[in-house]
Amino acid sequence: GLVRAYTAAASGALQNAELVSMRLVVDCRLRVPYAQFEQAQRIIAAAETRLDEPIFDDAVTLCWRMPAGQEGTLVTALTELTRGGAEVEISEAQYAAF
C-alpha cells in the first residue's frame, strides 16, 4: 500500500511540474525623472528583458533582468536618453530562471 501511495504522489508531482529555463542573467536598475520614464520603459521593454513594476517616488526606478553579456547596447541607449545623467546599475552575473 505504501509503495502505491508514494508512486501516486510522485506521479502527481511530475504531472504538475513545470519546466524552467535557467540562464546566466544580470539584474539591472535605473532611476530616471518622470519626463524620461515612458521612453526608458519602452527602450527596456524592446530588449530581451523581464521588466518589473516601476517604483514611483520623487523619480522613477526601473528594475529588470536580462541575459548576461547583452546589456551593452541597452545601457548605451539609456545613457544617451538621459544624456549621461543616469547610470544603469548592473549586478554580478548569476544563474536564474529566465
PDB file of N, CA and C in Angstrom:
ATOM      1  N   GLY A   1       0.811  -1.200   0.000  1.00  0.00           N
ATOM      2  CA  GLY A   1       0.000   0.000   0.000  1.00  0.00           C
ATOM      3  C   GLY A   1       0.853   1.261   0.000  1.00  0.00           C
ATOM      4  N   LEU A   2       1.944   1.232   0.777  1.00  0.00           N
ATOM      5  CA  LEU A   2       2.803   2.412   0.874  1.00  0.00           C
ATOM      6  C   LEU A   2       3.499   2.706  -0.456  1.00  0.00           C
ATOM      7  N   VAL A   3       3.898   1.650  -1.150  1.00  0.00           N
ATOM      8  CA  VAL A   3       4.565   1.828  -2.443  1.00  0.00           C
ATOM      9  C   VAL A   3       3.615   2.487  -3.432  1.00  0.00           C
ATOM     10  N   ARG A   4       2.368   2.048  -3.460  1.00  0.00           N
ATOM     11  CA  ARG A   4       1.382   2.656  -4.365  1.00  0.00           C
ATOM     12  C   ARG A   4       1.133   4.116  -4.010  1.00  0.00           C
ATOM     13  N   ALA A   5       1.086   4.423  -2.726  1.00  0.00           N
ATOM     14  CA  ALA A   5       0.854   5.807  -2.301  1.00  0.00           C
ATOM     15  C   ALA A   5       2.015   6.705  -2.742  1.00  0.00           C
ATOM     16  N   TYR A   6       3.257   6.230  -2.528  1.00  0.00           N
ATOM     17  CA  TYR A   6       4.418   7.015  -2.952  1.00  0.00           C
ATOM     18  C   TYR A   6       4.475   7.145  -4.469  1.00  0.00           C
ATOM     19  N   THR A   7       4.142   6.071  -5.175  1.00  0.00           N
ATOM     20  CA  THR A   7       4.131   6.100  -6.634  1.00  0.00           C
ATOM     21  C   THR A   7       3.107   7.107  -7.147  1.00  0.00           C
ATOM     22  N   ALA A   8       1.919   7.104  -6.558  1.00  0.00           N
ATOM     23  CA  ALA A   8       0.873   8.043  -6.967  1.00  0.00           C
ATOM     24  C   ALA A   8       1.277   9.478  -6.664  1.00  0.00           C
ATOM     25  N   ALA A   9       1.878   9.687  -5.507  1.00  0.00           N
ATOM     26  CA  ALA A   9       2.308  11.045  -5.132  1.00  0.00           C
ATOM     27  C   ALA A   9       3.400  11.542  -6.077  1.00  0.00           C
ATOM     28  N   ALA A  10       4.377  10.689  -6.380  1.00  0.00           N
ATOM     29  CA  ALA A  10       5.460  11.083  -7.293  1.00  0.00           C
ATOM     30  C   ALA A  10       4.918  11.334  -8.694  1.00  0.00           C
ATOM     31  N   SER A  11       4.012  10.501  -9.139  1.00  0.00           N
ATOM     32  CA  SER A  11       3.423  10.674 -10.462  1.00  0.00           C
ATOM     33  C   SER A  11       2.648  11.988 -10.548  1.00  0.00           C
ATOM     34  N   GLY A  12       1.882  12.292  -9.517  1.00  0.00           N
ATOM     35  CA  GLY A  12       1.127  13.552  -9.485  1.00  0.00           C
ATOM     36  C   GLY A  12       2.051  14.760  -9.489  1.00  0.00           C
ATOM     37  N   ALA A  13       3.130  14.671  -8.744  1.00  0.00           N
ATOM     38  CA  ALA A  13       4.087  15.786  -8.695  1.00  0.00           C
ATOM     39  C   ALA A  13       4.723  16.011 -10.064  1.00  0.00           C
ATOM     40  N   LEU A  14       5.096  14.933 -10.746  1.00  0.00           N
ATOM     41  CA  LEU A  14       5.710  15.067 -12.064  1.00  0.00           C
ATOM     42  C   LEU A  14       4.733  15.604 -13.099  1.00  0.00           C
ATOM     43  N   GLN A  15       3.469  15.230 -13.000  1.00  0.00           N
ATOM     44  CA  GLN A  15       2.471  15.726 -13.940  1.00  0.00           C
ATOM     45  C   GLN A  15       2.231  17.219 -13.769  1.00  0.00           C
ATOM     46  N   ASN A  16       2.359  17.719 -12.543  1.00  0.00           N
ATOM     47  CA  ASN A  16       2.127  19.134 -12.273  1.00  0.00           C
ATOM     48  C   ASN A  16       3.399  19.970 -12.341  1.00  0.00           C
ATOM     49  N   ALA A  17       4.533  19.323 -12.567  1.00  0.00           N
ATOM     50  CA  ALA A  17       5.812  20.034 -12.609  1.00  0.00           C
ATOM     51  C   ALA A  17       5.881  20.930 -13.842  1.00  0.00           C
ATOM     52  N   GLU A  18       6.648  21.977 -13.712  1.00  0.00           N
ATOM     53  CA  GLU A  18       6.818  22.935 -14.798  1.00  0.00           C
ATOM     54  C   GLU A  18       8.297  23.015 -15.151  1.00  0.00           C
ATOM     55  N   LEU A  19       8.603  23.017 -16.428  1.00  0.00           N
ATOM     56  CA  LEU A  19       9.977  23.124 -16.890  1.00  0.00           C
ATOM     57  C   LEU A  19      10.401  24.590 -16.837  1.00  0.00           C
ATOM     58  N   VAL A  20      11.515  24.869 -16.162  1.00  0.00           N
ATOM     59  CA  VAL A  20      12.002  26.236 -16.017  1.00  0.00           C
ATOM     60  C   VAL A  20      13.384  26.330 -16.649  1.00  0.00           C
ATOM     61  N   SER A  21      13.565  27.311 -17.496  1.00  0.00           N
ATOM     62  CA  SER A  21      14.847  27.531 -18.151  1.00  0.00           C
ATOM     63  C   SER A  21      15.728  28.414 -17.265  1.00  0.00           C
ATOM     64  N   MET A  22      16.925  27.949 -16.975  1.00  0.00           N
ATOM     65  CA  MET A  22      17.882  28.710 -16.174  1.00  0.00           C
ATOM     66  C   MET A  22      18.927  29.292 -17.125  1.00  0.00           C
ATOM     67  N   ARG A  23      19.209  30.573 -16.951  1.00  0.00           N
ATOM     68  CA  ARG A  23      20.208  31.240 -17.793  1.00  0.00           C
ATOM     69  C   ARG A  23      21.097  32.104 -16.923  1.00  0.00           C
ATOM     70  N   LEU A  24      22.235  32.453 -17.460  1.00  0.00           N
ATOM     71  CA  LEU A  24      23.125  33.396 -16.806  1.00  0.00           C
ATOM     72  C   LEU A  24      22.567  34.788 -17.070  1.00  0.00           C
ATOM     73  N   VAL A  25      22.137  35.481 -16.028  1.00  0.00           N
ATOM     74  CA  VAL A  25      21.465  36.767 -16.175  1.00  0.00           C
ATOM     75  C   VAL A  25      22.094  37.817 -15.262  1.00  0.00           C
ATOM     76  N   VAL A  26      21.735  39.067 -15.530  1.00  0.00           N
ATOM     77  CA  VAL A  26      22.093  40.181 -14.644  1.00  0.00           C
ATOM     78  C   VAL A  26      20.812  40.928 -14.291  1.00  0.00           C
ATOM     79  N   ASP A  27      20.775  41.471 -13.089  1.00  0.00           N
ATOM     80  CA  ASP A  27      19.676  42.325 -12.677  1.00  0.00           C
ATOM     81  C   ASP A  27      20.139  43.766 -12.826  1.00  0.00           C
ATOM     82  N   CYS A  28      19.289  44.593 -13.431  1.00  0.00           N
ATOM     83  CA  CYS A  28      19.652  45.978 -13.717  1.00  0.00           C
ATOM     84  C   CYS A  28      18.663  46.923 -13.052  1.00  0.00           C
ATOM     85  N   ARG A  29      19.151  48.127 -12.813  1.00  0.00           N
ATOM     86  CA  ARG A  29      18.327  49.135 -12.152  1.00  0.00           C
ATOM     87  C   ARG A  29      18.712  50.503 -12.693  1.00  0.00           C
ATOM     88  N   LEU A  30      17.696  51.328 -12.943  1.00  0.00           N
ATOM     89  CA  LEU A  30      17.907  52.680 -13.461  1.00  0.00           C
ATOM     90  C   LEU A  30      16.907  53.612 -12.825  1.00  0.00           C
ATOM     91  N   ARG A  31      17.361  54.752 -12.393  1.00  0.00           N
ATOM     92  CA  ARG A  31      16.498  55.766 -11.801  1.00  0.00           C
ATOM     93  C   ARG A  31      16.447  56.955 -12.756  1.00  0.00           C
ATOM     94  N   VAL A  32      15.233  57.317 -13.203  1.00  0.00           N
ATOM     95  CA  VAL A  32      15.068  58.401 -14.174  1.00  0.00           C
ATOM     96  C   VAL A  32      14.002  59.369 -13.697  1.00  0.00           C
ATOM     97  N   PRO A  33      14.071  60.611 -14.176  1.00  0.00           N
ATOM     98  CA  PRO A  33      12.995  61.559 -13.881  1.00  0.00           C
ATOM     99  C   PRO A  33      11.702  61.140 -14.585  1.00  0.00           C
ATOM    100  N   TYR A  34      10.577  61.619 -14.091  1.00  0.00           N
ATOM    101  CA  TYR A  34       9.288  61.278 -14.679  1.00  0.00           C
ATOM    102  C   TYR A  34       9.229  61.615 -16.172  1.00  0.00           C
ATOM    103  N   ALA A  35       9.889  62.675 -16.597  1.00  0.00           N
ATOM    104  CA  ALA A  35       9.848  63.096 -18.005  1.00  0.00           C
ATOM    105  C   ALA A  35      10.464  62.050 -18.933  1.00  0.00           C
ATOM    106  N   GLN A  36      11.389  61.238 -18.429  1.00  0.00           N
ATOM    107  CA  GLN A  36      12.065  60.232 -19.259  1.00  0.00           C
ATOM    108  C   GLN A  36      11.558  58.813 -19.005  1.00  0.00           C
ATOM    109  N   PHE A  37      10.613  58.664 -18.093  1.00  0.00           N
ATOM    110  CA  PHE A  37      10.137  57.343 -17.694  1.00  0.00           C
ATOM    111  C   PHE A  37       9.583  56.528 -18.854  1.00  0.00           C
ATOM    112  N   GLU A  38       8.640  57.068 -19.606  1.00  0.00           N
ATOM    113  CA  GLU A  38       7.999  56.295 -20.673  1.00  0.00           C
ATOM    114  C   GLU A  38       8.985  55.890 -21.757  1.00  0.00           C
ATOM    115  N   GLN A  39       9.875  56.809 -22.133  1.00  0.00           N
ATOM    116  CA  GLN A  39      10.877  56.477 -23.153  1.00  0.00           C
ATOM    117  C   GLN A  39      11.809  55.374 -22.654  1.00  0.00           C
ATOM    118  N   ALA A  40      12.265  55.503 -21.410  1.00  0.00           N
ATOM    119  CA  ALA A  40      13.170  54.493 -20.850  1.00  0.00           C
ATOM    120  C   ALA A  40      12.468  53.141 -20.767  1.00  0.00           C
ATOM    121  N   GLN A  41      11.218  53.137 -20.350  1.00  0.00           N
ATOM    122  CA  GLN A  41      10.468  51.898 -20.235  1.00  0.00           C
ATOM    123  C   GLN A  41      10.304  51.224 -21.606  1.00  0.00           C
ATOM    124  N   ARG A  42      10.045  52.010 -22.638  1.00  0.00           N
ATOM    125  CA  ARG A  42       9.917  51.462 -23.995  1.00  0.00           C
ATOM    126  C   ARG A  42      11.233  50.851 -24.484  1.00  0.00           C
ATOM    127  N   ILE A  43      12.338  51.540 -24.222  1.00  0.00           N
ATOM    128  CA  ILE A  43      13.654  51.049 -24.641  1.00  0.00           C
ATOM    129  C   ILE A  43      13.957  49.719 -23.951  1.00  0.00           C
ATOM    130  N   ILE A  44      13.683  49.651 -22.653  1.00  0.00           N
ATOM    131  CA  ILE A  44      13.956  48.427 -21.891  1.00  0.00           C
ATOM    132  C   ILE A  44      13.041  47.294 -22.355  1.00  0.00           C
ATOM    133  N   ALA A  45      11.762  47.593 -22.546  1.00  0.00           N
ATOM    134  CA  ALA A  45      10.798  46.559 -22.955  1.00  0.00           C
ATOM    135  C   ALA A  45      11.099  46.011 -24.346  1.00  0.00           C
ATOM    136  N   ALA A  46      11.704  46.822 -25.209  1.00  0.00           N
ATOM    137  CA  ALA A  46      12.019  46.384 -26.571  1.00  0.00           C
ATOM    138  C   ALA A  46      13.191  45.404 -26.600  1.00  0.00           C
ATOM    139  N   ALA A  47      14.018  45.420 -25.563  1.00  0.00           N
ATOM    140  CA  ALA A  47      15.152  44.495 -25.486  1.00  0.00           C
ATOM    141  C   ALA A  47      14.658  43.177 -24.876  1.00  0.00           C
ATOM    142  N   GLU A  48      15.512  42.173 -24.875  1.00  0.00           N
ATOM    143  CA  GLU A  48      15.147  40.875 -24.286  1.00  0.00           C
ATOM    144  C   GLU A  48      15.290  40.981 -22.766  1.00  0.00           C
ATOM    145  N   THR A  49      14.251  41.519 -22.115  1.00  0.00           N
ATOM    146  CA  THR A  49      14.293  41.751 -20.670  1.00  0.00           C
ATOM    147  C   THR A  49      13.023  41.253 -20.005  1.00  0.00           C
ATOM    148  N   ARG A  50      13.081  41.133 -18.711  1.00  0.00           N
ATOM    149  CA  ARG A  50      11.913  40.886 -17.867  1.00  0.00           C
ATOM    150  C   ARG A  50      11.824  42.095 -16.949  1.00  0.00           C
ATOM    151  N   LEU A  51      10.920  43.001 -17.272  1.00  0.00           N
ATOM    152  CA  LEU A  51      10.799  44.280 -16.579  1.00  0.00           C
ATOM    153  C   LEU A  51       9.842  44.148 -15.394  1.00  0.00           C
ATOM    154  N   ASP A  52      10.289  44.580 -14.215  1.00  0.00           N
ATOM    155  CA  ASP A  52       9.447  44.598 -13.017  1.00  0.00           C
ATOM    156  C   ASP A  52       8.566  45.842 -13.026  1.00  0.00           C
ATOM    157  N   GLU A  53       7.643  45.897 -12.092  1.00  0.00           N
ATOM    158  CA  GLU A  53       6.802  47.087 -11.949  1.00  0.00           C
ATOM    159  C   GLU A  53       7.685  48.261 -11.527  1.00  0.00           C
ATOM    160  N   PRO A  54       7.471  49.448 -12.106  1.00  0.00           N
ATOM    161  CA  PRO A  54       8.272  50.615 -11.720  1.00  0.00           C
ATOM    162  C   PRO A  54       7.965  51.053 -10.293  1.00  0.00           C
ATOM    163  N   ILE A  55       8.938  51.687  -9.685  1.00  0.00           N
ATOM    164  CA  ILE A  55       8.783  52.239  -8.337  1.00  0.00           C
ATOM    165  C   ILE A  55       8.732  53.755  -8.482  1.00  0.00           C
ATOM    166  N   PHE A  56       7.624  54.342  -8.037  1.00  0.00           N
ATOM    167  CA  PHE A  56       7.422  55.775  -8.174  1.00  0.00           C
ATOM    168  C   PHE A  56       7.637  56.468  -6.833  1.00  0.00           C
ATOM    169  N   ASP A  57       8.527  57.449  -6.811  1.00  0.00           N
ATOM    170  CA  ASP A  57       8.674  58.374  -5.678  1.00  0.00           C
ATOM    171  C   ASP A  57       9.064  59.717  -6.282  1.00  0.00           C
ATOM    172  N   ASP A  58      10.113  60.360  -5.836  1.00  0.00           N
ATOM    173  CA  ASP A  58      10.484  61.642  -6.435  1.00  0.00           C
ATOM    174  C   ASP A  58      11.033  61.470  -7.854  1.00  0.00           C
ATOM    175  N   ALA A  59      11.371  60.238  -8.218  1.00  0.00           N
ATOM    176  CA  ALA A  59      11.768  59.852  -9.581  1.00  0.00           C
ATOM    177  C   ALA A  59      11.212  58.450  -9.799  1.00  0.00           C
ATOM    178  N   VAL A  60      11.508  57.847 -10.930  1.00  0.00           N
ATOM    179  CA  VAL A  60      11.015  56.501 -11.225  1.00  0.00           C
ATOM    180  C   VAL A  60      12.202  55.542 -11.274  1.00  0.00           C
ATOM    181  N   THR A  61      12.077  54.437 -10.554  1.00  0.00           N
ATOM    182  CA  THR A  61      13.112  53.412 -10.565  1.00  0.00           C
ATOM    183  C   THR A  61      12.607  52.235 -11.393  1.00  0.00           C
ATOM    184  N   LEU A  62      13.380  51.870 -12.398  1.00  0.00           N
ATOM    185  CA  LEU A  62      13.060  50.740 -13.259  1.00  0.00           C
ATOM    186  C   LEU A  62      14.043  49.612 -12.963  1.00  0.00           C
ATOM    187  N   CYS A  63      13.510  48.412 -12.737  1.00  0.00           N
ATOM    188  CA  CYS A  63      14.336  47.239 -12.468  1.00  0.00           C
ATOM    189  C   CYS A  63      13.980  46.159 -13.472  1.00  0.00           C
ATOM    190  N   TRP A  64      14.986  45.484 -13.994  1.00  0.00           N
ATOM    191  CA  TRP A  64      14.734  44.422 -14.959  1.00  0.00           C
ATOM    192  C   TRP A  64      15.842  43.396 -14.903  1.00  0.00           C
ATOM    193  N   ARG A  65      15.554  42.233 -15.490  1.00  0.00           N
ATOM    194  CA  ARG A  65      16.512  41.140 -15.593  1.00  0.00           C
ATOM    195  C   ARG A  65      16.709  40.855 -17.075  1.00  0.00           C
ATOM    196  N   MET A  66      17.951  40.555 -17.435  1.00  0.00           N
ATOM    197  CA  MET A  66      18.249  40.249 -18.833  1.00  0.00           C
ATOM    198  C   MET A  66      19.425  39.290 -18.914  1.00  0.00           C
ATOM    199  N   PRO A  67      19.595  38.609 -20.056  1.00  0.00           N
ATOM    200  CA  PRO A  67      20.727  37.696 -20.214  1.00  0.00           C
ATOM    201  C   PRO A  67      22.065  38.442 -20.067  1.00  0.00           C
ATOM    202  N   ALA A  68      22.978  37.824 -19.344  1.00  0.00           N
ATOM    203  CA  ALA A  68      24.297  38.423 -19.139  1.00  0.00           C
ATOM    204  C   ALA A  68      25.023  38.539 -20.469  1.00  0.00           C
ATOM    205  N   GLY A  69      25.745  39.628 -20.641  1.00  0.00           N
ATOM    206  CA  GLY A  69      26.511  39.850 -21.860  1.00  0.00           C
ATOM    207  C   GLY A  69      25.754  40.604 -22.937  1.00  0.00           C
ATOM    208  N   GLN A  70      24.461  40.827 -22.727  1.00  0.00           N
ATOM    209  CA  GLN A  70      23.664  41.524 -23.733  1.00  0.00           C
ATOM    210  C   GLN A  70      23.253  42.921 -23.276  1.00  0.00           C
ATOM    211  N   GLU A  71      23.796  43.370 -22.170  1.00  0.00           N
ATOM    212  CA  GLU A  71      23.359  44.650 -21.627  1.00  0.00           C
ATOM    213  C   GLU A  71      24.045  45.865 -22.244  1.00  0.00           C
ATOM    214  N   GLY A  72      25.109  45.685 -22.992  1.00  0.00           N
ATOM    215  CA  GLY A  72      25.881  46.801 -23.541  1.00  0.00           C
ATOM    216  C   GLY A  72      25.082  47.764 -24.401  1.00  0.00           C
ATOM    217  N   THR A  73      24.361  47.258 -25.385  1.00  0.00           N
ATOM    218  CA  THR A  73      23.578  48.100 -26.291  1.00  0.00           C
ATOM    219  C   THR A  73      22.475  48.838 -25.540  1.00  0.00           C
ATOM    220  N   LEU A  74      21.819  48.136 -24.626  1.00  0.00           N
ATOM    221  CA  LEU A  74      20.738  48.742 -23.847  1.00  0.00           C
ATOM    222  C   LEU A  74      21.270  49.851 -22.949  1.00  0.00           C
ATOM    223  N   VAL A  75      22.385  49.614 -22.299  1.00  0.00           N
ATOM    224  CA  VAL A  75      22.986  50.638 -21.429  1.00  0.00           C
ATOM    225  C   VAL A  75      23.366  51.866 -22.246  1.00  0.00           C
ATOM    226  N   THR A  76      23.905  51.662 -23.431  1.00  0.00           N
ATOM    227  CA  THR A  76      24.269  52.784 -24.302  1.00  0.00           C
ATOM    228  C   THR A  76      23.036  53.604 -24.665  1.00  0.00           C
ATOM    229  N   ALA A  77      21.944  52.940 -25.039  1.00  0.00           N
ATOM    230  CA  ALA A  77      20.712  53.647 -25.408  1.00  0.00           C
ATOM    231  C   ALA A  77      20.147  54.424 -24.224  1.00  0.00           C
ATOM    232  N   LEU A  78      20.188  53.837 -23.034  1.00  0.00           N
ATOM    233  CA  LEU A  78      19.664  54.528 -21.847  1.00  0.00           C
ATOM    234  C   LEU A  78      20.565  55.690 -21.422  1.00  0.00           C
ATOM    235  N   THR A  79      21.866  55.533 -21.597  1.00  0.00           N
ATOM    236  CA  THR A  79      22.796  56.619 -21.290  1.00  0.00           C
ATOM    237  C   THR A  79      22.564  57.788 -22.238  1.00  0.00           C
ATOM    238  N   GLU A  80      22.329  57.495 -23.518  1.00  0.00           N
ATOM    239  CA  GLU A  80      22.032  58.557 -24.488  1.00  0.00           C
ATOM    240  C   GLU A  80      20.713  59.241 -24.153  1.00  0.00           C
ATOM    241  N   LEU A  81      19.701  58.466 -23.766  1.00  0.00           N
ATOM    242  CA  LEU A  81      18.401  59.036 -23.410  1.00  0.00           C
ATOM    243  C   LEU A  81      18.534  60.024 -22.264  1.00  0.00           C
ATOM    244  N   THR A  82      19.310  59.664 -21.260  1.00  0.00           N
ATOM    245  CA  THR A  82      19.455  60.530 -20.080  1.00  0.00           C
ATOM    246  C   THR A  82      20.616  61.506 -20.216  1.00  0.00           C
ATOM    247  N   ARG A  83      21.238  61.517 -21.400  1.00  0.00           N
ATOM    248  CA  ARG A  83      22.394  62.388 -21.665  1.00  0.00           C
ATOM    249  C   ARG A  83      23.479  62.207 -20.597  1.00  0.00           C
ATOM    250  N   GLY A  84      23.661  60.958 -20.192  1.00  0.00           N
ATOM    251  CA  GLY A  84      24.688  60.627 -19.205  1.00  0.00           C
ATOM    252  C   GLY A  84      24.299  60.969 -17.779  1.00  0.00           C
ATOM    253  N   GLY A  85      23.083  61.436 -17.568  1.00  0.00           N
ATOM    254  CA  GLY A  85      22.649  61.852 -16.234  1.00  0.00           C
ATOM    255  C   GLY A  85      22.257  60.723 -15.310  1.00  0.00           C
ATOM    256  N   ALA A  86      21.949  59.566 -15.856  1.00  0.00           N
ATOM    257  CA  ALA A  86      21.563  58.420 -15.035  1.00  0.00           C
ATOM    258  C   ALA A  86      22.441  57.240 -15.397  1.00  0.00           C
ATOM    259  N   GLU A  87      22.824  56.494 -14.390  1.00  0.00           N
ATOM    260  CA  GLU A  87      23.709  55.362 -14.615  1.00  0.00           C
ATOM    261  C   GLU A  87      22.963  54.068 -14.319  1.00  0.00           C
ATOM    262  N   VAL A  88      23.075  53.105 -15.217  1.00  0.00           N
ATOM    263  CA  VAL A  88      22.444  51.802 -15.021  1.00  0.00           C
ATOM    264  C   VAL A  88      23.306  50.984 -14.061  1.00  0.00           C
ATOM    265  N   GLU A  89      22.686  50.515 -12.975  1.00  0.00           N
ATOM    266  CA  GLU A  89      23.379  49.639 -12.030  1.00  0.00           C
ATOM    267  C   GLU A  89      23.167  48.204 -12.498  1.00  0.00           C
ATOM    268  N   ILE A  90      24.253  47.444 -12.588  1.00  0.00           N
ATOM    269  CA  ILE A  90      24.191  46.078 -13.090  1.00  0.00           C
ATOM    270  C   ILE A  90      24.790  45.146 -12.039  1.00  0.00           C
ATOM    271  N   SER A  91      24.041  44.094 -11.698  1.00  0.00           N
ATOM    272  CA  SER A  91      24.514  43.130 -10.700  1.00  0.00           C
ATOM    273  C   SER A  91      25.556  42.189 -11.310  1.00  0.00           C
ATOM    274  N   GLU A  92      26.165  41.390 -10.444  1.00  0.00           N
ATOM    275  CA  GLU A  92      27.035  40.321 -10.914  1.00  0.00           C
ATOM    276  C   GLU A  92      26.179  39.305 -11.649  1.00  0.00           C
ATOM    277  N   ALA A  93      26.752  38.627 -12.616  1.00  0.00           N
ATOM    278  CA  ALA A  93      26.017  37.592 -13.359  1.00  0.00           C
ATOM    279  C   ALA A  93      25.700  36.434 -12.429  1.00  0.00           C
ATOM    280  N   GLN A  94      24.496  35.879 -12.602  1.00  0.00           N
ATOM    281  CA  GLN A  94      24.038  34.761 -11.773  1.00  0.00           C
ATOM    282  C   GLN A  94      23.123  33.879 -12.602  1.00  0.00           C
ATOM    283  N   TYR A  95      23.011  32.628 -12.226  1.00  0.00           N
ATOM    284  CA  TYR A  95      22.063  31.742 -12.898  1.00  0.00           C
ATOM    285  C   TYR A  95      20.715  31.899 -12.219  1.00  0.00           C
ATOM    286  N   ALA A  96      19.674  32.129 -13.039  1.00  0.00           N
ATOM    287  CA  ALA A  96      18.311  32.304 -12.525  1.00  0.00           C
ATOM    288  C   ALA A  96      17.320  31.931 -13.620  1.00  0.00           C
ATOM    289  N   ALA A  97      16.099  31.749 -13.206  1.00  0.00           N
ATOM    290  CA  ALA A  97      15.046  31.444 -14.165  1.00  0.00           C
ATOM    291  C   ALA A  97      14.865  32.626 -15.104  1.00  0.00           C
ATOM    292  N   PHE A  98      14.736  32.317 -16.395  1.00  0.00           N
ATOM    293  CA  PHE A  98      14.526  33.384 -17.377  1.00  0.00           C
ATOM    294  C   PHE A  98      13.797  32.832 -18.559  1.00  0.00           C
TER     295      PHE A  98
END
